[in-house]
């Protein structure tokens, strides 16, 4: 569930705002804070598929046969394949 825009707005009381002096230039009153770097990198985290494949390799023959790990295949992969052969190729990719 994502927070709404109203929830993301932070209300600052007027007492915390700096007083405006008409004699100072605008740039001197504004302080720009750089954005924070991301806390985690998605490419460093192993995916669920990686974790399950590692678990399957570690378990060997003891891994349950009813849990199948099939790779995610996009439609773009099947674009060069002729229409009449696509269903056959898709079935070949499925683990049995």
PDB file of N, CA and C in Angstrom:
ATOM      1  N   UNK A   1       0.847  -1.170   0.000  1.00  0.00           N
ATOM      2  CA  UNK A   1       0.000   0.000   0.000  1.00  0.00           C
ATOM      3  C   UNK A   1       0.893   1.234   0.000  1.00  0.00           C
ATOM      4  N   UNK A   2       0.627   2.157  -0.907  1.00  0.00           N
ATOM      5  CA  UNK A   2       1.433   3.358  -1.030  1.00  0.00           C
ATOM      6  C   UNK A   2       0.777   4.520  -0.297  1.00  0.00           C
ATOM      7  N   UNK A   3       1.569   5.369   0.326  1.00  0.00           N
ATOM      8  CA  UNK A   3       0.976   6.523   1.004  1.00  0.00           C
ATOM      9  C   UNK A   3       0.439   7.524  -0.012  1.00  0.00           C
ATOM     10  N   UNK A   4      -0.585   8.241   0.389  1.00  0.00           N
ATOM     11  CA  UNK A   4      -1.172   9.239  -0.493  1.00  0.00           C
ATOM     12  C   UNK A   4      -0.300  10.494  -0.494  1.00  0.00           C
ATOM     13  N   UNK A   5      -0.533  11.376  -1.453  1.00  0.00           N
ATOM     14  CA  UNK A   5       0.238  12.619  -1.552  1.00  0.00           C
ATOM     15  C   UNK A   5       0.037  13.472  -0.307  1.00  0.00           C
ATOM     16  N   UNK A   6      -1.161  13.447   0.237  1.00  0.00           N
ATOM     17  CA  UNK A   6      -1.449  14.230   1.437  1.00  0.00           C
ATOM     18  C   UNK A   6      -0.604  13.743   2.610  1.00  0.00           C
ATOM     19  N   UNK A   7      -0.349  12.461   2.673  1.00  0.00           N
ATOM     20  CA  UNK A   7       0.443  11.889   3.761  1.00  0.00           C
ATOM     21  C   UNK A   7       1.926  12.265   3.623  1.00  0.00           C
ATOM     22  N   UNK A   8       2.383  12.467   2.406  1.00  0.00           N
ATOM     23  CA  UNK A   8       3.790  12.761   2.162  1.00  0.00           C
ATOM     24  C   UNK A   8       4.158  14.221   2.429  1.00  0.00           C
ATOM     25  N   UNK A   9       3.171  15.098   2.508  1.00  0.00           N
ATOM     26  CA  UNK A   9       3.439  16.518   2.731  1.00  0.00           C
ATOM     27  C   UNK A   9       3.785  16.743   4.192  1.00  0.00           C
ATOM     28  N   UNK A  10       4.867  17.471   4.423  1.00  0.00           N
ATOM     29  CA  UNK A  10       5.285  17.771   5.788  1.00  0.00           C
ATOM     30  C   UNK A  10       4.925  19.220   6.088  1.00  0.00           C
ATOM     31  N   UNK A  11       4.191  19.448   7.157  1.00  0.00           N
ATOM     32  CA  UNK A  11       3.771  20.797   7.524  1.00  0.00           C
ATOM     33  C   UNK A  11       4.806  21.384   8.473  1.00  0.00           C
ATOM     34  N   UNK A  12       5.314  22.567   8.096  1.00  0.00           N
ATOM     35  CA  UNK A  12       6.311  23.260   8.910  1.00  0.00           C
ATOM     36  C   UNK A  12       5.638  24.468   9.551  1.00  0.00           C
ATOM     37  N   UNK A  13       5.732  24.613  10.870  1.00  0.00           N
ATOM     38  CA  UNK A  13       5.129  25.785  11.515  1.00  0.00           C
ATOM     39  C   UNK A  13       5.839  27.077  11.106  1.00  0.00           C
ATOM     40  N   UNK A  14       5.099  28.175  11.075  1.00  0.00           N
ATOM     41  CA  UNK A  14       5.668  29.465  10.680  1.00  0.00           C
ATOM     42  C   UNK A  14       6.807  29.899  11.597  1.00  0.00           C
ATOM     43  N   UNK A  15       6.772  29.489  12.843  1.00  0.00           N
ATOM     44  CA  UNK A  15       7.816  29.891  13.776  1.00  0.00           C
ATOM     45  C   UNK A  15       9.179  29.301  13.394  1.00  0.00           C
ATOM     46  N   UNK A  16       9.179  28.195  12.686  1.00  0.00           N
ATOM     47  CA  UNK A  16      10.435  27.574  12.271  1.00  0.00           C
ATOM     48  C   UNK A  16      10.986  28.151  10.976  1.00  0.00           C
ATOM     49  N   UNK A  17      10.183  28.889  10.233  1.00  0.00           N
ATOM     50  CA  UNK A  17      10.640  29.497   8.989  1.00  0.00           C
ATOM     51  C   UNK A  17      11.501  30.723   9.291  1.00  0.00           C
ATOM     52  N   UNK A  18      12.527  30.969   8.486  1.00  0.00           N
ATOM     53  CA  UNK A  18      13.361  32.148   8.723  1.00  0.00           C
ATOM     54  C   UNK A  18      12.594  33.430   8.403  1.00  0.00           C
ATOM     55  N   UNK A  19      12.904  34.462   9.122  1.00  0.00           N
ATOM     56  CA  UNK A  19      12.246  35.751   8.854  1.00  0.00           C
ATOM     57  C   UNK A  19      12.808  36.334   7.567  1.00  0.00           C
ATOM     58  N   UNK A  20      11.962  37.003   6.821  1.00  0.00           N
ATOM     59  CA  UNK A  20      12.360  37.544   5.529  1.00  0.00           C
ATOM     60  C   UNK A  20      12.805  38.992   5.709  1.00  0.00           C
ATOM     61  N   UNK A  21      14.025  39.264   5.285  1.00  0.00           N
ATOM     62  CA  UNK A  21      14.563  40.616   5.316  1.00  0.00           C
ATOM     63  C   UNK A  21      14.549  41.140   3.884  1.00  0.00           C
ATOM     64  N   UNK A  22      13.826  42.230   3.590  1.00  0.00           N
ATOM     65  CA  UNK A  22      13.719  42.704   2.205  1.00  0.00           C
ATOM     66  C   UNK A  22      15.051  43.192   1.639  1.00  0.00           C
ATOM     67  N   UNK A  23      16.036  43.491   2.466  1.00  0.00           N
ATOM     68  CA  UNK A  23      17.313  44.010   1.965  1.00  0.00           C
ATOM     69  C   UNK A  23      18.274  42.908   1.507  1.00  0.00           C
ATOM     70  N   UNK A  24      18.057  41.660   1.882  1.00  0.00           N
ATOM     71  CA  UNK A  24      18.958  40.584   1.479  1.00  0.00           C
ATOM     72  C   UNK A  24      18.495  39.949   0.173  1.00  0.00           C
ATOM     73  N   UNK A  25      19.427  39.552  -0.651  1.00  0.00           N
ATOM     74  CA  UNK A  25      19.018  38.890  -1.905  1.00  0.00           C
ATOM     75  C   UNK A  25      18.381  37.535  -1.626  1.00  0.00           C
ATOM     76  N   UNK A  26      17.536  37.095  -2.534  1.00  0.00           N
ATOM     77  CA  UNK A  26      16.769  35.874  -2.361  1.00  0.00           C
ATOM     78  C   UNK A  26      17.668  34.643  -2.224  1.00  0.00           C
ATOM     79  N   UNK A  27      18.747  34.578  -2.991  1.00  0.00           N
ATOM     80  CA  UNK A  27      19.601  33.395  -2.984  1.00  0.00           C
ATOM     81  C   UNK A  27      20.263  33.163  -1.634  1.00  0.00           C
ATOM     82  N   UNK A  28      20.514  34.221  -0.889  1.00  0.00           N
ATOM     83  CA  UNK A  28      21.171  34.034   0.402  1.00  0.00           C
ATOM     84  C   UNK A  28      20.221  33.442   1.445  1.00  0.00           C
ATOM     85  N   UNK A  29      18.919  33.554   1.235  1.00  0.00           N
ATOM     86  CA  UNK A  29      17.951  33.033   2.194  1.00  0.00           C
ATOM     87  C   UNK A  29      17.618  31.560   1.950  1.00  0.00           C
ATOM     88  N   UNK A  30      17.914  31.075   0.757  1.00  0.00           N
ATOM     89  CA  UNK A  30      17.539  29.714   0.402  1.00  0.00           C
ATOM     90  C   UNK A  30      18.747  28.791   0.534  1.00  0.00           C
ATOM     91  N   UNK A  31      18.544  27.712   1.242  1.00  0.00           N
ATOM     92  CA  UNK A  31      19.597  26.707   1.370  1.00  0.00           C
ATOM     93  C   UNK A  31      19.102  25.431   0.697  1.00  0.00           C
ATOM     94  N   UNK A  32      19.821  24.980  -0.317  1.00  0.00           N
ATOM     95  CA  UNK A  32      19.426  23.793  -1.053  1.00  0.00           C
ATOM     96  C   UNK A  32      20.168  22.600  -0.467  1.00  0.00           C
ATOM     97  N   UNK A  33      19.415  21.639  -0.017  1.00  0.00           N
ATOM     98  CA  UNK A  33      19.984  20.432   0.565  1.00  0.00           C
ATOM     99  C   UNK A  33      20.023  19.366  -0.518  1.00  0.00           C
ATOM    100  N   UNK A  34      21.180  18.745  -0.755  1.00  0.00           N
ATOM    101  CA  UNK A  34      21.233  17.704  -1.797  1.00  0.00           C
ATOM    102  C   UNK A  34      20.405  16.489  -1.404  1.00  0.00           C
ATOM    103  N   UNK A  35      19.923  15.788  -2.418  1.00  0.00           N
ATOM    104  CA  UNK A  35      19.099  14.618  -2.137  1.00  0.00           C
ATOM    105  C   UNK A  35      19.959  13.515  -1.538  1.00  0.00           C
ATOM    106  N   UNK A  36      19.324  12.689  -0.747  1.00  0.00           N
ATOM    107  CA  UNK A  36      20.024  11.596  -0.087  1.00  0.00           C
ATOM    108  C   UNK A  36      20.316  10.476  -1.082  1.00  0.00           C
ATOM    109  N   UNK A  37      21.450   9.810  -0.943  1.00  0.00           N
ATOM    110  CA  UNK A  37      21.730   8.680  -1.838  1.00  0.00           C
ATOM    111  C   UNK A  37      20.799   7.519  -1.490  1.00  0.00           C
ATOM    112  N   UNK A  38      20.524   6.656  -2.445  1.00  0.00           N
ATOM    113  CA  UNK A  38      19.654   5.513  -2.154  1.00  0.00           C
ATOM    114  C   UNK A  38      20.283   4.623  -1.088  1.00  0.00           C
ATOM    115  N   UNK A  39      19.452   4.090  -0.213  1.00  0.00           N
ATOM    116  CA  UNK A  39      19.958   3.288   0.898  1.00  0.00           C
ATOM    117  C   UNK A  39      20.313   1.875   0.468  1.00  0.00           C
ATOM    118  N   UNK A  40      19.610   1.334  -0.523  1.00  0.00           N
ATOM    119  CA  UNK A  40      19.907  -0.012  -0.994  1.00  0.00           C
ATOM    120  C   UNK A  40      20.012  -0.007  -2.502  1.00  0.00           C
ATOM    121  N   UNK A  41      20.777  -0.911  -3.022  1.00  0.00           N
ATOM    122  CA  UNK A  41      20.895  -1.067  -4.465  1.00  0.00           C
ATOM    123  C   UNK A  41      20.183  -2.356  -4.856  1.00  0.00           C
ATOM    124  N   UNK A  42      19.266  -2.229  -5.801  1.00  0.00           N
ATOM    125  CA  UNK A  42      18.474  -3.390  -6.208  1.00  0.00           C
ATOM    126  C   UNK A  42      19.350  -4.444  -6.875  1.00  0.00           C
ATOM    127  N   UNK A  43      20.406  -4.020  -7.592  1.00  0.00           N
ATOM    128  CA  UNK A  43      21.217  -5.005  -8.295  1.00  0.00           C
ATOM    129  C   UNK A  43      22.078  -5.836  -7.340  1.00  0.00           C
ATOM    130  N   UNK A  44      22.303  -5.358  -6.129  1.00  0.00           N
ATOM    131  CA  UNK A  44      23.097  -6.104  -5.164  1.00  0.00           C
ATOM    132  C   UNK A  44      22.274  -7.173  -4.440  1.00  0.00           C
ATOM    133  N   UNK A  45      20.978  -6.983  -4.381  1.00  0.00           N
ATOM    134  CA  UNK A  45      20.126  -7.927  -3.672  1.00  0.00           C
ATOM    135  C   UNK A  45      19.837  -9.147  -4.553  1.00  0.00           C
ATOM    136  N   UNK A  46      19.950 -10.350  -3.986  1.00  0.00           N
ATOM    137  CA  UNK A  46      19.566 -11.531  -4.771  1.00  0.00           C
ATOM    138  C   UNK A  46      18.041 -11.595  -4.895  1.00  0.00           C
ATOM    139  N   UNK A  47      17.588 -12.023  -6.049  1.00  0.00           N
ATOM    140  CA  UNK A  47      16.145 -12.127  -6.270  1.00  0.00           C
ATOM    141  C   UNK A  47      15.614 -13.397  -5.612  1.00  0.00           C
ATOM    142  N   UNK A  48      14.311 -13.492  -5.538  1.00  0.00           N
ATOM    143  CA  UNK A  48      13.676 -14.677  -4.980  1.00  0.00           C
ATOM    144  C   UNK A  48      14.025 -15.901  -5.814  1.00  0.00           C
ATOM    145  N   UNK A  49      14.079 -15.714  -7.134  1.00  0.00           N
ATOM    146  CA  UNK A  49      14.413 -16.821  -8.028  1.00  0.00           C
ATOM    147  C   UNK A  49      15.833 -17.321  -7.745  1.00  0.00           C
ATOM    148  N   UNK A  50      16.784 -16.400  -7.505  1.00  0.00           N
ATOM    149  CA  UNK A  50      18.159 -16.785  -7.186  1.00  0.00           C
ATOM    150  C   UNK A  50      18.210 -17.583  -5.882  1.00  0.00           C
ATOM    151  N   UNK A  51      17.483 -17.122  -4.884  1.00  0.00           N
ATOM    152  CA  UNK A  51      17.477 -17.797  -3.594  1.00  0.00           C
ATOM    153  C   UNK A  51      16.882 -19.208  -3.717  1.00  0.00           C
ATOM    154  N   UNK A  52      15.795 -19.327  -4.480  1.00  0.00           N
ATOM    155  CA  UNK A  52      15.167 -20.638  -4.639  1.00  0.00           C
ATOM    156  C   UNK A  52      16.054 -21.592  -5.435  1.00  0.00           C
ATOM    157  N   UNK A  53      16.743 -21.080  -6.459  1.00  0.00           N
ATOM    158  CA  UNK A  53      17.638 -21.938  -7.229  1.00  0.00           C
ATOM    159  C   UNK A  53      18.824 -22.392  -6.390  1.00  0.00           C
ATOM    160  N   UNK A  54      19.347 -21.511  -5.544  1.00  0.00           N
ATOM    161  CA  UNK A  54      20.447 -21.878  -4.655  1.00  0.00           C
ATOM    162  C   UNK A  54      19.992 -22.956  -3.672  1.00  0.00           C
ATOM    163  N   UNK A  55      18.768 -22.790  -3.155  1.00  0.00           N
ATOM    164  CA  UNK A  55      18.218 -23.766  -2.215  1.00  0.00           C
ATOM    165  C   UNK A  55      18.015 -25.123  -2.900  1.00  0.00           C
ATOM    166  N   UNK A  56      17.597 -25.084  -4.189  1.00  0.00           N
ATOM    167  CA  UNK A  56      17.388 -26.319  -4.939  1.00  0.00           C
ATOM    168  C   UNK A  56      18.719 -27.033  -5.172  1.00  0.00           C
ATOM    169  N   UNK A  57      19.775 -26.274  -5.491  1.00  0.00           N
ATOM    170  CA  UNK A  57      21.095 -26.871  -5.705  1.00  0.00           C
ATOM    171  C   UNK A  57      21.646 -27.470  -4.418  1.00  0.00           C
ATOM    172  N   UNK A  58      21.433 -26.802  -3.299  1.00  0.00           N
ATOM    173  CA  UNK A  58      21.938 -27.297  -2.021  1.00  0.00           C
ATOM    174  C   UNK A  58      21.211 -28.568  -1.590  1.00  0.00           C
ATOM    175  N   UNK A  59      19.902 -28.622  -1.851  1.00  0.00           N
ATOM    176  CA  UNK A  59      19.117 -29.778  -1.425  1.00  0.00           C
ATOM    177  C   UNK A  59      19.360 -30.987  -2.324  1.00  0.00           C
ATOM    178  N   UNK A  60      19.661 -30.759  -3.594  1.00  0.00           N
ATOM    179  CA  UNK A  60      19.912 -31.872  -4.511  1.00  0.00           C
ATOM    180  C   UNK A  60      18.670 -32.711  -4.729  1.00  0.00           C
ATOM    181  N   UNK A  61      18.780 -34.029  -4.486  1.00  0.00           N
ATOM    182  CA  UNK A  61      17.662 -34.957  -4.712  1.00  0.00           C
ATOM    183  C   UNK A  61      16.585 -34.807  -3.642  1.00  0.00           C
ATOM    184  N   UNK A  62      16.912 -34.188  -2.527  1.00  0.00           N
ATOM    185  CA  UNK A  62      15.932 -34.023  -1.451  1.00  0.00           C
ATOM    186  C   UNK A  62      14.963 -32.866  -1.724  1.00  0.00           C
ATOM    187  N   UNK A  63      15.206 -32.067  -2.783  1.00  0.00           N
ATOM    188  CA  UNK A  63      14.337 -30.936  -3.104  1.00  0.00           C
ATOM    189  C   UNK A  63      12.981 -31.464  -3.575  1.00  0.00           C
ATOM    190  N   UNK A  64      11.872 -30.893  -3.084  1.00  0.00           N
ATOM    191  CA  UNK A  64      10.541 -31.394  -3.469  1.00  0.00           C
ATOM    192  C   UNK A  64      10.304 -31.289  -4.976  1.00  0.00           C
ATOM    193  N   UNK A  65       9.779 -32.345  -5.555  1.00  0.00           N
ATOM    194  CA  UNK A  65       9.577 -32.381  -7.004  1.00  0.00           C
ATOM    195  C   UNK A  65       8.374 -31.547  -7.441  1.00  0.00           C
ATOM    196  N   UNK A  66       7.492 -31.191  -6.517  1.00  0.00           N
ATOM    197  CA  UNK A  66       6.299 -30.430  -6.902  1.00  0.00           C
ATOM    198  C   UNK A  66       6.567 -28.922  -6.978  1.00  0.00           C
ATOM    199  N   UNK A  67       7.760 -28.465  -6.589  1.00  0.00           N
ATOM    200  CA  UNK A  67       8.104 -27.046  -6.695  1.00  0.00           C
ATOM    201  C   UNK A  67       8.944 -26.857  -7.952  1.00  0.00           C
ATOM    202  N   UNK A  68       8.373 -26.163  -8.926  1.00  0.00           N
ATOM    203  CA  UNK A  68       9.051 -25.962 -10.203  1.00  0.00           C
ATOM    204  C   UNK A  68       9.523 -24.513 -10.304  1.00  0.00           C
ATOM    205  N   UNK A  69      10.750 -24.331 -10.769  1.00  0.00           N
ATOM    206  CA  UNK A  69      11.318 -22.997 -10.969  1.00  0.00           C
ATOM    207  C   UNK A  69      11.423 -22.739 -12.461  1.00  0.00           C
ATOM    208  N   UNK A  70      10.524 -21.916 -12.962  1.00  0.00           N
ATOM    209  CA  UNK A  70      10.511 -21.611 -14.388  1.00  0.00           C
ATOM    210  C   UNK A  70      10.959 -20.174 -14.587  1.00  0.00           C
ATOM    211  N   UNK A  71      11.842 -19.935 -15.552  1.00  0.00           N
ATOM    212  CA  UNK A  71      12.317 -18.565 -15.794  1.00  0.00           C
ATOM    213  C   UNK A  71      11.202 -17.700 -16.376  1.00  0.00           C
ATOM    214  N   UNK A  72      11.269 -16.421 -16.077  1.00  0.00           N
ATOM    215  CA  UNK A  72      10.307 -15.469 -16.617  1.00  0.00           C
ATOM    216  C   UNK A  72      10.699 -15.141 -18.046  1.00  0.00           C
ATOM    217  N   UNK A  73       9.795 -15.353 -18.984  1.00  0.00           N
ATOM    218  CA  UNK A  73      10.081 -15.134 -20.395  1.00  0.00           C
ATOM    219  C   UNK A  73       9.118 -14.079 -20.920  1.00  0.00           C
ATOM    220  N   UNK A  74       9.668 -13.030 -21.549  1.00  0.00           N
ATOM    221  CA  UNK A  74       8.855 -11.953 -22.107  1.00  0.00           C
ATOM    222  C   UNK A  74       8.322 -12.315 -23.488  1.00  0.00           C
ATOM    223  N   UNK A  75       7.354 -11.549 -23.944  1.00  0.00           N
ATOM    224  CA  UNK A  75       6.802 -11.751 -25.282  1.00  0.00           C
ATOM    225  C   UNK A  75       7.837 -11.440 -26.359  1.00  0.00           C
ATOM    226  N   UNK A  76       8.767 -10.521 -26.041  1.00  0.00           N
ATOM    227  CA  UNK A  76       9.786 -10.133 -27.033  1.00  0.00           C
ATOM    228  C   UNK A  76      10.681 -11.301 -27.418  1.00  0.00           C
ATOM    229  N   UNK A  77      10.841 -12.257 -26.522  1.00  0.00           N
ATOM    230  CA  UNK A  77      11.685 -13.417 -26.820  1.00  0.00           C
ATOM    231  C   UNK A  77      11.058 -14.258 -27.924  1.00  0.00           C
ATOM    232  N   UNK A  78       9.741 -14.345 -27.944  1.00  0.00           N
ATOM    233  CA  UNK A  78       9.042 -15.188 -28.914  1.00  0.00           C
ATOM    234  C   UNK A  78       8.683 -14.457 -30.205  1.00  0.00           C
ATOM    235  N   UNK A  79       9.042 -13.195 -30.323  1.00  0.00           N
ATOM    236  CA  UNK A  79       8.674 -12.431 -31.523  1.00  0.00           C
ATOM    237  C   UNK A  79       9.269 -13.014 -32.807  1.00  0.00           C
ATOM    238  N   UNK A  80      10.546 -13.406 -32.822  1.00  0.00           N
ATOM    239  CA  UNK A  80      11.076 -13.959 -34.075  1.00  0.00           C
ATOM    240  C   UNK A  80      10.575 -15.370 -34.408  1.00  0.00           C
ATOM    241  N   UNK A  81       9.944 -16.051 -33.465  1.00  0.00           N
ATOM    242  CA  UNK A  81       9.443 -17.410 -33.696  1.00  0.00           C
ATOM    243  C   UNK A  81       8.128 -17.331 -34.455  1.00  0.00           C
ATOM    244  N   UNK A  82       7.957 -18.211 -35.418  1.00  0.00           N
ATOM    245  CA  UNK A  82       6.719 -18.244 -36.202  1.00  0.00           C
ATOM    246  C   UNK A  82       5.535 -18.564 -35.287  1.00  0.00           C
ATOM    247  N   UNK A  83       4.370 -18.002 -35.632  1.00  0.00           N
ATOM    248  CA  UNK A  83       3.186 -18.146 -34.779  1.00  0.00           C
ATOM    249  C   UNK A  83       2.807 -19.595 -34.527  1.00  0.00           C
ATOM    250  N   UNK A  84       2.929 -20.421 -35.543  1.00  0.00           N
ATOM    251  CA  UNK A  84       2.513 -21.819 -35.386  1.00  0.00           C
ATOM    252  C   UNK A  84       3.459 -22.622 -34.487  1.00  0.00           C
ATOM    253  N   UNK A  85       4.672 -22.109 -34.241  1.00  0.00           N
ATOM    254  CA  UNK A  85       5.642 -22.827 -33.413  1.00  0.00           C
ATOM    255  C   UNK A  85       5.769 -22.257 -31.995  1.00  0.00           C
ATOM    256  N   UNK A  86       5.143 -21.116 -31.726  1.00  0.00           N
ATOM    257  CA  UNK A  86       5.302 -20.458 -30.416  1.00  0.00           C
ATOM    258  C   UNK A  86       4.823 -21.324 -29.266  1.00  0.00           C
ATOM    259  N   UNK A  87       3.676 -21.956 -29.415  1.00  0.00           N
ATOM    260  CA  UNK A  87       3.132 -22.772 -28.325  1.00  0.00           C
ATOM    261  C   UNK A  87       4.064 -23.942 -28.007  1.00  0.00           C
ATOM    262  N   UNK A  88       4.647 -24.528 -29.036  1.00  0.00           N
ATOM    263  CA  UNK A  88       5.546 -25.661 -28.829  1.00  0.00           C
ATOM    264  C   UNK A  88       6.806 -25.210 -28.097  1.00  0.00           C
ATOM    265  N   UNK A  89       7.355 -24.050 -28.503  1.00  0.00           N
ATOM    266  CA  UNK A  89       8.569 -23.539 -27.870  1.00  0.00           C
ATOM    267  C   UNK A  89       8.290 -23.163 -26.413  1.00  0.00           C
ATOM    268  N   UNK A  90       7.146 -22.563 -26.138  1.00  0.00           N
ATOM    269  CA  UNK A  90       6.785 -22.215 -24.759  1.00  0.00           C
ATOM    270  C   UNK A  90       6.677 -23.469 -23.899  1.00  0.00           C
ATOM    271  N   UNK A  91       6.094 -24.527 -24.440  1.00  0.00           N
ATOM    272  CA  UNK A  91       5.982 -25.774 -23.690  1.00  0.00           C
ATOM    273  C   UNK A  91       7.353 -26.394 -23.422  1.00  0.00           C
ATOM    274  N   UNK A  92       8.291 -26.218 -24.341  1.00  0.00           N
ATOM    275  CA  UNK A  92       9.634 -26.769 -24.162  1.00  0.00           C
ATOM    276  C   UNK A  92      10.374 -26.054 -23.025  1.00  0.00           C
ATOM    277  N   UNK A  93      10.069 -24.776 -22.799  1.00  0.00           N
ATOM    278  CA  UNK A  93      10.739 -24.014 -21.759  1.00  0.00           C
ATOM    279  C   UNK A  93      10.255 -24.375 -20.352  1.00  0.00           C
ATOM    280  N   UNK A  94       9.069 -24.957 -20.257  1.00  0.00           N
ATOM    281  CA  UNK A  94       8.508 -25.292 -18.945  1.00  0.00           C
ATOM    282  C   UNK A  94       9.183 -26.524 -18.385  1.00  0.00           C
ATOM    283  N   UNK A  95       9.470 -26.457 -17.077  1.00  0.00           N
ATOM    284  CA  UNK A  95      10.103 -27.586 -16.392  1.00  0.00           C
ATOM    285  C   UNK A  95       9.059 -28.656 -16.116  1.00  0.00           C
ATOM    286  N   UNK A  96       9.427 -29.892 -16.326  1.00  0.00           N
ATOM    287  CA  UNK A  96       8.484 -30.998 -16.076  1.00  0.00           C
ATOM    288  C   UNK A  96       9.063 -31.962 -15.102  1.00  0.00           C
TER     289      UNK A  96
END
